[in-house]
Amino acid sequence: RIDQNNIVSAGNTAGAGASMALLSLKER
């Protein structure tokens, strides 16, 4: 229970992480 203004949707983080892993050896 916190101020709802402090909650921000991060969107499709799984998709972003998968893309990073596919495109970057360092991230993988």
PDB file of all heavy atoms in Angstrom:
ATOM      1  N   ARG A   1       0.856  -1.185   0.000  1.00  0.00           N
ATOM      2  CA  ARG A   1       0.000   0.000   0.000  1.00  0.00           C
ATOM      3  C   ARG A   1       0.897   1.242   0.000  1.00  0.00           C
ATOM      4  O   ARG A   1       1.409   1.658   1.041  1.00  0.00           O
ATOM      5  CB  ARG A   1      -0.896   0.009   1.237  1.00  0.00           C
ATOM      6  CG  ARG A   1      -2.018  -0.955   1.114  1.00  0.00           C
ATOM      7  CD  ARG A   1      -3.284  -0.184   0.805  1.00  0.00           C
ATOM      8  NE  ARG A   1      -4.333  -1.129   0.456  1.00  0.00           N
ATOM      9  CZ  ARG A   1      -5.167  -0.930  -0.550  1.00  0.00           C
ATOM     10  NH1 ARG A   1      -5.083   0.150  -1.265  1.00  0.00           N
ATOM     11  NH2 ARG A   1      -6.075  -1.803  -0.825  1.00  0.00           N
ATOM     12  N   ILE A   2       1.124   1.780  -1.179  1.00  0.00           N
ATOM     13  CA  ILE A   2       1.902   3.007  -1.339  1.00  0.00           C
ATOM     14  C   ILE A   2       1.138   3.935  -2.272  1.00  0.00           C
ATOM     15  O   ILE A   2       0.136   3.548  -2.865  1.00  0.00           O
ATOM     16  CB  ILE A   2       3.318   2.720  -1.916  1.00  0.00           C
ATOM     17  CG1 ILE A   2       3.225   2.072  -3.304  1.00  0.00           C
ATOM     18  CG2 ILE A   2       4.130   1.859  -0.964  1.00  0.00           C
ATOM     19  CD1 ILE A   2       4.555   1.940  -4.012  1.00  0.00           C
ATOM     20  N   ASP A   3       1.615   5.141  -2.407  1.00  0.00           N
ATOM     21  CA  ASP A   3       1.015   6.095  -3.330  1.00  0.00           C
ATOM     22  C   ASP A   3       1.070   5.513  -4.736  1.00  0.00           C
ATOM     23  O   ASP A   3       2.136   5.158  -5.237  1.00  0.00           O
ATOM     24  CB  ASP A   3       1.777   7.421  -3.264  1.00  0.00           C
ATOM     25  CG  ASP A   3       1.190   8.504  -4.142  1.00  0.00           C
ATOM     26  OD1 ASP A   3       0.294   8.215  -4.974  1.00  0.00           O
ATOM     27  OD2 ASP A   3       1.635   9.658  -4.013  1.00  0.00           O
ATOM     28  N   GLN A   4      -0.078   5.413  -5.383  1.00  0.00           N
ATOM     29  CA  GLN A   4      -0.130   4.817  -6.722  1.00  0.00           C
ATOM     30  C   GLN A   4       0.697   5.585  -7.743  1.00  0.00           C
ATOM     31  O   GLN A   4       1.097   5.022  -8.759  1.00  0.00           O
ATOM     32  CB  GLN A   4      -1.584   4.704  -7.189  1.00  0.00           C
ATOM     33  CG  GLN A   4      -2.361   3.676  -6.410  1.00  0.00           C
ATOM     34  CD  GLN A   4      -3.757   3.468  -6.960  1.00  0.00           C
ATOM     35  OE1 GLN A   4      -4.011   3.726  -8.129  1.00  0.00           O
ATOM     36  NE2 GLN A   4      -4.658   2.991  -6.126  1.00  0.00           N
ATOM     37  N   ASN A   5       0.981   6.841  -7.474  1.00  0.00           N
ATOM     38  CA  ASN A   5       1.824   7.621  -8.385  1.00  0.00           C
ATOM     39  C   ASN A   5       3.272   7.132  -8.383  1.00  0.00           C
ATOM     40  O   ASN A   5       4.042   7.478  -9.270  1.00  0.00           O
ATOM     41  CB  ASN A   5       1.782   9.107  -8.016  1.00  0.00           C
ATOM     42  CG  ASN A   5       0.410   9.694  -8.264  1.00  0.00           C
ATOM     43  OD1 ASN A   5      -0.256   9.366  -9.245  1.00  0.00           O
ATOM     44  ND2 ASN A   5      -0.029  10.555  -7.366  1.00  0.00           N
ATOM     45  N   ASN A   6       3.630   6.336  -7.379  1.00  0.00           N
ATOM     46  CA  ASN A   6       4.985   5.791  -7.314  1.00  0.00           C
ATOM     47  C   ASN A   6       5.129   4.471  -8.066  1.00  0.00           C
ATOM     48  O   ASN A   6       6.208   3.904  -8.110  1.00  0.00           O
ATOM     49  CB  ASN A   6       5.407   5.588  -5.857  1.00  0.00           C
ATOM     50  CG  ASN A   6       5.596   6.893  -5.133  1.00  0.00           C
ATOM     51  OD1 ASN A   6       5.986   7.889  -5.725  1.00  0.00           O
ATOM     52  ND2 ASN A   6       5.280   6.912  -3.852  1.00  0.00           N
ATOM     53  N   ILE A   7       4.043   3.981  -8.642  1.00  0.00           N
ATOM     54  CA  ILE A   7       4.076   2.725  -9.389  1.00  0.00           C
ATOM     55  C   ILE A   7       4.065   3.061 -10.873  1.00  0.00           C
ATOM     56  O   ILE A   7       3.172   3.745 -11.364  1.00  0.00           O
ATOM     57  CB  ILE A   7       2.881   1.826  -9.028  1.00  0.00           C
ATOM     58  CG1 ILE A   7       2.944   1.475  -7.534  1.00  0.00           C
ATOM     59  CG2 ILE A   7       2.875   0.567  -9.884  1.00  0.00           C
ATOM     60  CD1 ILE A   7       1.746   0.717  -7.028  1.00  0.00           C
ATOM     61  N   VAL A   8       5.084   2.563 -11.585  1.00  0.00           N
ATOM     62  CA  VAL A   8       5.217   2.836 -13.008  1.00  0.00           C
ATOM     63  C   VAL A   8       5.306   1.516 -13.757  1.00  0.00           C
ATOM     64  O   VAL A   8       6.102   0.647 -13.393  1.00  0.00           O
ATOM     65  CB  VAL A   8       6.490   3.672 -13.288  1.00  0.00           C
ATOM     66  CG1 VAL A   8       6.650   3.934 -14.771  1.00  0.00           C
ATOM     67  CG2 VAL A   8       6.467   4.975 -12.508  1.00  0.00           C
ATOM     68  N   SER A   9       4.485   1.357 -14.786  1.00  0.00           N
ATOM     69  CA  SER A   9       4.533   0.156 -15.602  1.00  0.00           C
ATOM     70  C   SER A   9       5.823   0.156 -16.418  1.00  0.00           C
ATOM     71  O   SER A   9       6.185   1.155 -17.043  1.00  0.00           O
ATOM     72  CB  SER A   9       3.330   0.104 -16.540  1.00  0.00           C
ATOM     73  OG  SER A   9       3.464  -0.976 -17.433  1.00  0.00           O
ATOM     74  N   ALA A  10       6.509  -0.973 -16.411  1.00  0.00           N
ATOM     75  CA  ALA A  10       7.764  -1.084 -17.152  1.00  0.00           C
ATOM     76  C   ALA A  10       7.544  -1.649 -18.554  1.00  0.00           C
ATOM     77  O   ALA A  10       8.489  -1.779 -19.323  1.00  0.00           O
ATOM     78  CB  ALA A  10       8.743  -1.960 -16.379  1.00  0.00           C
ATOM     79  N   GLY A  11       6.323  -2.024 -18.894  1.00  0.00           N
ATOM     80  CA  GLY A  11       6.043  -2.524 -20.227  1.00  0.00           C
ATOM     81  C   GLY A  11       6.565  -3.935 -20.440  1.00  0.00           C
ATOM     82  O   GLY A  11       6.645  -4.731 -19.511  1.00  0.00           O
ATOM     83  N   ASN A  12       6.929  -4.235 -21.653  1.00  0.00           N
ATOM     84  CA  ASN A  12       7.356  -5.579 -22.026  1.00  0.00           C
ATOM     85  C   ASN A  12       8.841  -5.784 -21.723  1.00  0.00           C
ATOM     86  O   ASN A  12       9.676  -5.841 -22.631  1.00  0.00           O
ATOM     87  CB  ASN A  12       7.063  -5.830 -23.506  1.00  0.00           C
ATOM     88  CG  ASN A  12       7.370  -7.250 -23.922  1.00  0.00           C
ATOM     89  OD1 ASN A  12       7.731  -8.078 -23.098  1.00  0.00           O
ATOM     90  ND2 ASN A  12       7.230  -7.530 -25.194  1.00  0.00           N
ATOM     91  N   THR A  13       9.165  -5.907 -20.456  1.00  0.00           N
ATOM     92  CA  THR A  13      10.578  -6.063 -20.074  1.00  0.00           C
ATOM     93  C   THR A  13      11.127  -7.423 -20.485  1.00  0.00           C
ATOM     94  O   THR A  13      12.314  -7.541 -20.779  1.00  0.00           O
ATOM     95  CB  THR A  13      10.767  -5.848 -18.570  1.00  0.00           C
ATOM     96  OG1 THR A  13       9.909  -6.740 -17.855  1.00  0.00           O
ATOM     97  CG2 THR A  13      10.453  -4.406 -18.182  1.00  0.00           C
ATOM     98  N   ALA A  14      10.287  -8.443 -20.525  1.00  0.00           N
ATOM     99  CA  ALA A  14      10.756  -9.766 -20.961  1.00  0.00           C
ATOM    100  C   ALA A  14      11.178  -9.707 -22.421  1.00  0.00           C
ATOM    101  O   ALA A  14      12.239 -10.232 -22.801  1.00  0.00           O
ATOM    102  CB  ALA A  14       9.667 -10.811 -20.752  1.00  0.00           C
ATOM    103  N   GLY A  15      10.383  -9.061 -23.245  1.00  0.00           N
ATOM    104  CA  GLY A  15      10.724  -8.922 -24.665  1.00  0.00           C
ATOM    105  C   GLY A  15      11.967  -8.076 -24.864  1.00  0.00           C
ATOM    106  O   GLY A  15      12.830  -8.399 -25.696  1.00  0.00           O
ATOM    107  N   ALA A  16      12.088  -7.009 -24.086  1.00  0.00           N
ATOM    108  CA  ALA A  16      13.274  -6.154 -24.198  1.00  0.00           C
ATOM    109  C   ALA A  16      14.529  -6.917 -23.781  1.00  0.00           C
ATOM    110  O   ALA A  16      15.574  -6.827 -24.442  1.00  0.00           O
ATOM    111  CB  ALA A  16      13.103  -4.902 -23.336  1.00  0.00           C
ATOM    112  N   GLY A  17      14.433  -7.688 -22.703  1.00  0.00           N
ATOM    113  CA  GLY A  17      15.577  -8.470 -22.244  1.00  0.00           C
ATOM    114  C   GLY A  17      15.971  -9.541 -23.247  1.00  0.00           C
ATOM    115  O   GLY A  17      17.155  -9.783 -23.487  1.00  0.00           O
ATOM    116  N   ALA A  18      14.978 -10.195 -23.843  1.00  0.00           N
ATOM    117  CA  ALA A  18      15.266 -11.216 -24.861  1.00  0.00           C
ATOM    118  C   ALA A  18      15.964 -10.588 -26.060  1.00  0.00           C
ATOM    119  O   ALA A  18      16.933 -11.143 -26.589  1.00  0.00           O
ATOM    120  CB  ALA A  18      13.972 -11.900 -25.288  1.00  0.00           C
ATOM    121  N   SER A  19      15.511  -9.419 -26.471  1.00  0.00           N
ATOM    122  CA  SER A  19      16.153  -8.729 -27.593  1.00  0.00           C
ATOM    123  C   SER A  19      17.596  -8.373 -27.249  1.00  0.00           C
ATOM    124  O   SER A  19      18.500  -8.533 -28.078  1.00  0.00           O
ATOM    125  CB  SER A  19      15.391  -7.447 -27.952  1.00  0.00           C
ATOM    126  OG  SER A  19      14.111  -7.762 -28.430  1.00  0.00           O
ATOM    127  N   MET A  20      17.817  -7.873 -26.032  1.00  0.00           N
ATOM    128  CA  MET A  20      19.177  -7.524 -25.613  1.00  0.00           C
ATOM    129  C   MET A  20      20.085  -8.744 -25.643  1.00  0.00           C
ATOM    130  O   MET A  20      21.225  -8.669 -26.116  1.00  0.00           O
ATOM    131  CB  MET A  20      19.155  -6.908 -24.215  1.00  0.00           C
ATOM    132  CG  MET A  20      18.518  -5.546 -24.145  1.00  0.00           C
ATOM    133  SD  MET A  20      18.185  -4.980 -22.452  1.00  0.00           S
ATOM    134  CE  MET A  20      19.809  -4.957 -21.738  1.00  0.00           C
ATOM    135  N   ALA A  21      19.583  -9.874 -25.160  1.00  0.00           N
ATOM    136  CA  ALA A  21      20.380 -11.097 -25.121  1.00  0.00           C
ATOM    137  C   ALA A  21      20.691 -11.595 -26.526  1.00  0.00           C
ATOM    138  O   ALA A  21      21.781 -12.122 -26.780  1.00  0.00           O
ATOM    139  CB  ALA A  21      19.658 -12.179 -24.321  1.00  0.00           C
ATOM    140  N   LEU A  22      19.754 -11.435 -27.442  1.00  0.00           N
ATOM    141  CA  LEU A  22      19.976 -11.891 -28.812  1.00  0.00           C
ATOM    142  C   LEU A  22      20.961 -11.004 -29.562  1.00  0.00           C
ATOM    143  O   LEU A  22      21.714 -11.481 -30.409  1.00  0.00           O
ATOM    144  CB  LEU A  22      18.655 -11.931 -29.582  1.00  0.00           C
ATOM    145  CG  LEU A  22      17.702 -13.055 -29.193  1.00  0.00           C
ATOM    146  CD1 LEU A  22      16.343 -12.836 -29.846  1.00  0.00           C
ATOM    147  CD2 LEU A  22      18.279 -14.403 -29.588  1.00  0.00           C
ATOM    148  N   LEU A  23      20.960  -9.729 -29.242  1.00  0.00           N
ATOM    149  CA  LEU A  23      21.770  -8.772 -29.995  1.00  0.00           C
ATOM    150  C   LEU A  23      23.130  -8.468 -29.385  1.00  0.00           C
ATOM    151  O   LEU A  23      23.978  -7.881 -30.047  1.00  0.00           O
ATOM    152  CB  LEU A  23      20.991  -7.457 -30.164  1.00  0.00           C
ATOM    153  CG  LEU A  23      19.682  -7.574 -30.952  1.00  0.00           C
ATOM    154  CD1 LEU A  23      18.904  -6.272 -30.898  1.00  0.00           C
ATOM    155  CD2 LEU A  23      19.972  -7.972 -32.401  1.00  0.00           C
ATOM    156  N   SER A  24      23.351  -8.859 -28.134  1.00  0.00           N
ATOM    157  CA  SER A  24      24.589  -8.481 -27.448  1.00  0.00           C
ATOM    158  C   SER A  24      25.183  -9.680 -26.712  1.00  0.00           C
ATOM    159  O   SER A  24      24.555 -10.228 -25.811  1.00  0.00           O
ATOM    160  CB  SER A  24      24.307  -7.352 -26.454  1.00  0.00           C
ATOM    161  OG  SER A  24      25.406  -7.163 -25.592  1.00  0.00           O
ATOM    162  N   LEU A  25      26.402 -10.046 -27.083  1.00  0.00           N
ATOM    163  CA  LEU A  25      27.091 -11.137 -26.399  1.00  0.00           C
ATOM    164  C   LEU A  25      27.294 -10.786 -24.925  1.00  0.00           C
ATOM    165  O   LEU A  25      27.109 -11.633 -24.042  1.00  0.00           O
ATOM    166  CB  LEU A  25      28.431 -11.434 -27.065  1.00  0.00           C
ATOM    167  CG  LEU A  25      29.270 -12.532 -26.425  1.00  0.00           C
ATOM    168  CD1 LEU A  25      28.518 -13.850 -26.414  1.00  0.00           C
ATOM    169  CD2 LEU A  25      30.597 -12.680 -27.146  1.00  0.00           C
ATOM    170  N   LYS A  26      27.622  -9.521 -24.627  1.00  0.00           N
ATOM    171  CA  LYS A  26      27.826  -9.076 -23.249  1.00  0.00           C
ATOM    172  C   LYS A  26      26.558  -9.283 -22.419  1.00  0.00           C
ATOM    173  O   LYS A  26      26.609  -9.805 -21.302  1.00  0.00           O
ATOM    174  CB  LYS A  26      28.236  -7.605 -23.241  1.00  0.00           C
ATOM    175  CG  LYS A  26      28.419  -7.018 -21.870  1.00  0.00           C
ATOM    176  CD  LYS A  26      28.756  -5.542 -21.960  1.00  0.00           C
ATOM    177  CE  LYS A  26      28.715  -4.907 -20.598  1.00  0.00           C
ATOM    178  NZ  LYS A  26      28.881  -3.454 -20.657  1.00  0.00           N
ATOM    179  N   GLU A  27      25.404  -8.897 -22.969  1.00  0.00           N
ATOM    180  CA  GLU A  27      24.138  -9.050 -22.246  1.00  0.00           C
ATOM    181  C   GLU A  27      23.757 -10.522 -22.108  1.00  0.00           C
ATOM    182  O   GLU A  27      23.218 -10.939 -21.088  1.00  0.00           O
ATOM    183  CB  GLU A  27      23.020  -8.272 -22.936  1.00  0.00           C
ATOM    184  CG  GLU A  27      23.220  -6.768 -22.935  1.00  0.00           C
ATOM    185  CD  GLU A  27      23.305  -6.172 -21.543  1.00  0.00           C
ATOM    186  OE1 GLU A  27      22.711  -6.729 -20.589  1.00  0.00           O
ATOM    187  OE2 GLU A  27      23.963  -5.127 -21.392  1.00  0.00           O
ATOM    188  N   ARG A  28      24.039 -11.318 -23.131  1.00  0.00           N
ATOM    189  CA  ARG A  28      23.748 -12.748 -23.063  1.00  0.00           C
ATOM    190  C   ARG A  28      24.586 -13.409 -21.976  1.00  0.00           C
ATOM    191  O   ARG A  28      24.103 -14.232 -21.208  1.00  0.00           O
ATOM    192  CB  ARG A  28      24.001 -13.395 -24.426  1.00  0.00           C
ATOM    193  CG  ARG A  28      23.490 -14.801 -24.530  1.00  0.00           C
ATOM    194  CD  ARG A  28      23.393 -15.337 -25.955  1.00  0.00           C
ATOM    195  NE  ARG A  28      24.513 -15.050 -26.819  1.00  0.00           N
ATOM    196  CZ  ARG A  28      24.478 -14.178 -27.844  1.00  0.00           C
ATOM    197  NH1 ARG A  28      23.381 -13.515 -28.119  1.00  0.00           N
ATOM    198  NH2 ARG A  28      25.538 -13.983 -28.594  1.00  0.00           N
TER     199      ARG A  28
END
